[in-house]
Protein backbone atom coordinates (compact mmCIF):
# COMPACT_ATOMS: atom_id res chain seq x y z
CA MET A 1 54.36 231.99 75.31
CA VAL A 2 54.64 232.55 71.32
CA LYS A 3 51.75 231.10 69.73
CA THR A 4 52.09 228.98 66.50
CA PRO A 5 49.88 230.87 63.47
CA PRO A 6 47.26 229.74 61.98
CA LYS A 7 46.67 227.66 59.10
CA TYR A 8 45.11 229.18 56.09
CA GLN A 9 43.01 226.94 54.38
CA THR A 10 43.89 226.52 51.21
CA ILE A 11 41.61 225.73 47.80
CA PRO A 12 41.61 222.74 46.97
CA GLN A 13 42.11 222.43 42.61
CA LEU A 14 40.04 221.78 40.49
CA GLU A 15 40.23 218.11 39.37
CA ASN A 16 38.49 215.90 35.58
CA GLY A 17 35.28 214.51 37.18
CA ASP A 18 34.65 216.11 40.57
CA LYS A 19 31.23 217.04 41.56
CA LEU A 20 30.65 220.13 42.70
CA THR A 21 28.10 222.74 42.84
CA ARG A 22 28.12 225.87 40.77
CA TYR A 23 29.77 228.31 43.31
CA GLU A 24 33.07 225.88 44.33
CA PHE A 25 33.48 225.28 40.84
CA GLU A 26 34.35 228.83 40.20
CA ARG A 27 35.79 228.96 43.63
CA ARG A 28 38.13 226.40 42.80
CA TYR A 29 38.51 226.84 38.62
CA ASN A 30 39.48 230.59 40.67
CA ALA A 31 42.53 228.83 42.08
CA THR A 32 43.25 226.45 39.56
CA PRO A 33 45.34 228.74 36.96
CA ASN A 34 46.18 226.31 35.33
CA VAL A 35 43.42 225.21 33.68
CA LYS A 36 42.18 227.02 31.12
CA LYS A 37 38.55 225.03 29.80
CA ALA A 38 36.46 223.39 32.19
CA GLU A 39 32.77 222.45 32.52
CA LEU A 40 30.26 221.59 35.35
CA ILE A 41 27.67 219.80 33.53
CA GLU A 42 24.88 218.23 35.73
CA GLY A 43 27.50 218.70 39.52
CA ILE A 44 30.40 217.08 37.17
CA VAL A 45 33.36 218.95 36.34
CA TYR A 46 34.64 217.79 32.99
CA ILE A 47 38.35 219.34 31.96
CA MET A 48 39.14 220.11 28.13
CA PRO A 49 42.64 219.25 26.69
CA ALA A 50 44.59 222.71 26.40
CA ALA A 51 45.74 222.36 23.30
CA LEU A 52 43.20 221.72 20.47
CA ARG A 53 43.57 219.79 16.79
CA PHE A 54 42.88 221.71 13.40
CA ARG A 55 41.12 220.06 11.07
CA SER A 56 38.09 218.67 13.85
CA HIS A 57 37.83 221.94 16.03
CA GLY A 58 39.84 225.41 15.44
CA GLN A 59 38.84 225.07 11.76
CA PRO A 60 34.86 223.83 12.46
CA HIS A 61 34.91 226.33 15.25
CA ALA A 62 36.37 229.33 12.83
CA ARG A 63 33.60 228.97 9.89
CA ILE A 64 30.96 228.46 13.14
CA LEU A 65 32.00 231.77 14.27
CA THR A 66 32.09 233.66 10.59
CA TRP A 67 28.45 232.18 9.36
CA LEU A 68 27.61 234.08 12.93
CA GLY A 69 29.72 236.97 13.05
CA THR A 70 27.78 238.14 9.73
CA TYR A 71 24.14 237.57 10.77
CA GLU A 72 25.22 239.14 14.27
CA THR A 73 26.43 242.37 12.18
CA ALA A 74 22.71 242.59 10.28
CA THR A 75 20.69 242.36 13.10
CA PRO A 76 20.67 244.88 16.02
CA SER A 77 20.14 243.54 19.47
CA ILE A 78 22.11 240.10 18.90
CA SER A 79 25.30 239.00 20.11
CA LEU A 80 27.64 236.54 19.80
CA ALA A 81 29.93 236.06 22.68
CA VAL A 82 32.51 233.41 22.05
CA GLU A 83 33.49 230.19 24.42
CA PRO A 84 31.74 232.20 27.39
CA THR A 85 31.78 230.99 30.86
CA VAL A 86 27.75 229.79 31.36
CA ARG A 87 25.68 230.57 34.90
CA LEU A 88 22.87 227.62 33.52
CA ASP A 89 22.06 226.44 37.60
CA LEU A 90 23.14 225.11 39.71
CA ASP A 91 25.02 222.57 38.36
CA ASN A 92 25.59 223.50 34.59
CA GLU A 93 28.22 226.28 34.09
CA PRO A 94 29.66 225.43 30.46
CA GLN A 95 31.68 226.92 28.26
CA SER A 96 29.79 226.98 25.16
CA ASP A 97 31.80 227.22 22.02
CA ALA A 98 29.89 230.03 20.32
CA VAL A 99 26.68 231.60 21.66
CA LEU A 100 23.87 234.41 20.29
CA LEU A 101 21.23 235.56 22.15
CA ILE A 102 18.97 238.16 22.52
CA ASP A 103 20.08 241.23 24.20
CA GLN A 104 17.91 241.68 27.61
CA VAL A 105 16.59 244.87 26.97
CA ALA A 106 15.42 243.48 22.63
CA GLY A 107 13.24 240.40 25.00
CA GLY A 108 16.14 237.60 25.31
CA GLN A 109 15.96 235.31 27.59
CA ALA A 110 19.66 235.32 29.22
CA ARG A 111 21.28 238.64 30.92
CA VAL A 112 25.02 239.73 31.93
CA SER A 113 25.45 239.01 35.69
CA GLU A 114 27.42 242.20 37.40
CA ASP A 115 30.78 240.30 37.01
CA ASP A 116 29.95 239.69 33.15
CA TYR A 117 29.08 236.08 33.00
CA ILE A 118 25.81 235.46 30.61
CA GLU A 119 23.19 233.98 33.70
CA GLY A 120 19.89 232.32 32.51
CA ALA A 121 19.50 230.12 29.41
CA PRO A 122 20.87 231.66 25.85
CA GLU A 123 18.95 231.62 22.55
CA LEU A 124 21.35 229.54 20.65
CA VAL A 125 23.98 227.44 21.47
CA VAL A 126 27.14 225.57 19.57
CA GLU A 127 29.25 222.84 19.85
CA ILE A 128 32.06 221.34 18.46
CA ALA A 129 31.94 217.92 18.73
CA ALA A 130 34.43 214.97 17.67
CA SER A 131 32.40 212.38 16.51
CA SER A 132 27.98 211.84 18.38
CA VAL A 133 29.88 209.99 22.09
CA ALA A 134 31.68 213.50 22.63
CA ILE A 135 29.32 214.75 26.37
CA ASP A 136 27.87 218.22 23.31
CA LEU A 137 24.81 215.05 22.56
CA HIS A 138 24.66 213.40 26.24
CA ALA A 139 24.55 215.39 29.88
CA LYS A 140 25.36 218.91 27.79
CA LYS A 141 22.00 219.02 25.32
CA GLN A 142 19.44 217.42 28.72
CA ALA A 143 20.95 220.04 30.52
CA TYR A 144 20.06 223.01 27.98
CA ARG A 145 17.31 221.37 27.01
CA ARG A 146 16.11 221.71 30.61
CA ASN A 147 17.31 225.20 30.74
CA GLY A 148 15.14 226.20 27.93
CA VAL A 149 18.17 226.66 25.18
CA LYS A 150 15.44 227.45 21.99
CA GLU A 151 18.10 226.02 19.30
CA TYR A 152 21.10 223.70 20.13
CA ILE A 153 23.44 222.95 17.16
CA VAL A 154 26.39 220.48 17.37
CA TRP A 155 28.88 219.49 14.37
CA GLN A 156 29.81 216.38 15.10
CA VAL A 157 33.50 217.08 12.60
CA LEU A 158 34.96 213.05 12.44
CA GLU A 159 31.46 212.24 11.21
CA GLN A 160 30.75 215.01 9.02
CA ARG A 161 26.94 215.62 10.76
CA LEU A 162 25.68 218.77 12.00
CA THR A 163 22.95 218.60 14.37
CA TRP A 164 20.52 221.29 14.92
CA PHE A 165 17.48 220.88 17.52
CA TYR A 166 14.77 223.47 17.85
CA LEU A 167 12.93 223.89 21.83
CA GLU A 168 9.67 221.92 21.61
CA GLN A 169 7.07 221.32 24.12
CA GLY A 170 10.61 221.34 26.62
CA GLU A 171 12.04 219.09 24.13
CA TYR A 172 14.32 219.30 21.60
CA LEU A 173 13.82 218.25 17.89
CA GLU A 174 15.56 217.94 14.89
CA LEU A 175 15.65 220.77 12.40
CA GLU A 176 15.29 219.08 8.64
CA PRO A 177 17.35 220.60 4.93
CA ASP A 178 15.29 221.62 2.81
CA ALA A 179 15.42 220.86 -0.45
CA ASP A 180 18.06 222.75 -0.93
CA GLY A 181 19.60 221.55 1.65
CA ILE A 182 19.15 224.58 4.10
CA ILE A 183 18.48 224.83 7.39
CA ARG A 184 16.38 227.55 9.10
CA SER A 185 16.90 229.10 12.57
CA ARG A 186 13.22 228.93 14.08
CA ILE A 187 14.31 231.77 16.54
CA PHE A 188 16.77 233.56 14.22
CA PRO A 189 15.09 234.94 11.23
CA GLY A 190 16.95 234.50 8.07
CA LEU A 191 20.11 232.44 9.76
CA TRP A 192 20.38 230.38 7.20
CA LEU A 193 22.85 227.72 6.58
CA ALA A 194 23.87 225.60 3.75
CA VAL A 195 25.23 222.07 5.34
CA ALA A 196 27.44 220.00 2.84
CA GLU A 197 29.09 223.68 1.51
CA LEU A 198 29.92 224.34 5.55
CA PHE A 199 31.64 220.83 5.21
CA ALA A 200 33.17 221.35 1.88
CA GLY A 201 34.91 225.01 2.72
CA ASN A 202 33.22 226.81 0.31
CA LYS A 203 33.55 229.75 2.42
CA GLN A 204 31.23 231.67 -0.01
CA ALA A 205 28.63 230.08 -1.07
CA VAL A 206 28.18 230.08 2.73
CA VAL A 207 28.03 233.19 3.86
CA THR A 208 25.75 233.92 0.19
CA VAL A 209 23.19 231.38 1.12
CA LEU A 210 23.05 233.64 4.39
CA GLN A 211 22.60 236.76 2.60
CA THR A 212 19.56 235.51 0.82
CA GLY A 213 19.04 234.54 4.69
CA LEU A 214 19.02 238.60 5.89
CA GLN A 215 17.55 239.90 2.76
CA SER A 216 14.23 237.62 3.72
CA ARG A 217 11.11 239.26 4.27
CA GLU A 218 11.31 236.82 7.34
CA HIS A 219 14.31 239.29 8.29
CA GLY A 220 13.33 242.21 8.19
CA ALA A 221 9.87 241.78 10.10
CA PHE A 222 12.58 240.20 12.93
CA VAL A 223 14.55 243.86 13.08
CA GLN A 224 11.73 245.77 13.44
CA GLN A 225 10.16 243.43 16.53
CA LEU A 226 13.92 243.85 18.09
CA ALA A 227 13.20 247.48 17.90
CA LEU A 228 10.32 246.90 19.80
CA GLY A 229 11.64 245.10 22.07
CA ASN A 230 9.05 242.29 22.16
CA ASN A 231 9.76 239.57 21.45
CA SER A 232 7.22 236.71 21.68
């Protein structure tokens, strides 16, 4: 008697709009090599387009990374990651455009897992959005807030608007620029952003304002605090 070989169950392809757990999302994502970027937000799969436009995403993304990278270079025990997978909770696994986190040994609230993913909430998340109707200002914002991301920046490129939220008693409030048009981080002392100069593409002015922040007394105290591993 010839036995029919068993039929092995194939892993379903990841599809836009699927409602999945984080574990099933990862299983299908790994089995769908043609999908380059996908996120799980509030249990729903969002597949991102492979092609990204220059002025509405690529260039703004690069400017933000230059700004954050300069801060990282001057601040020990701080790590910058570009589009990392972040395991926030069982229903949320975004690939944020950029995250800035405090290393766990220095008191940070997120950790890097054994399989090399961020688990928990980074201190700062940045997303580049085309406009205010994007998911970044709605479901994703709520997921970041609920999981304790302390600061959240959304640059709405087409509207030339940058919104910088900070977490206060479980709610996101908006950080406002000072009289000079500069927004100063509450979590990362010295991380200063000249918003109008960023919009104008004046890279040197953005870096100059940031360098001023890096030379501030507050940044110096923060570096000492990180060295003690005590981020309270």
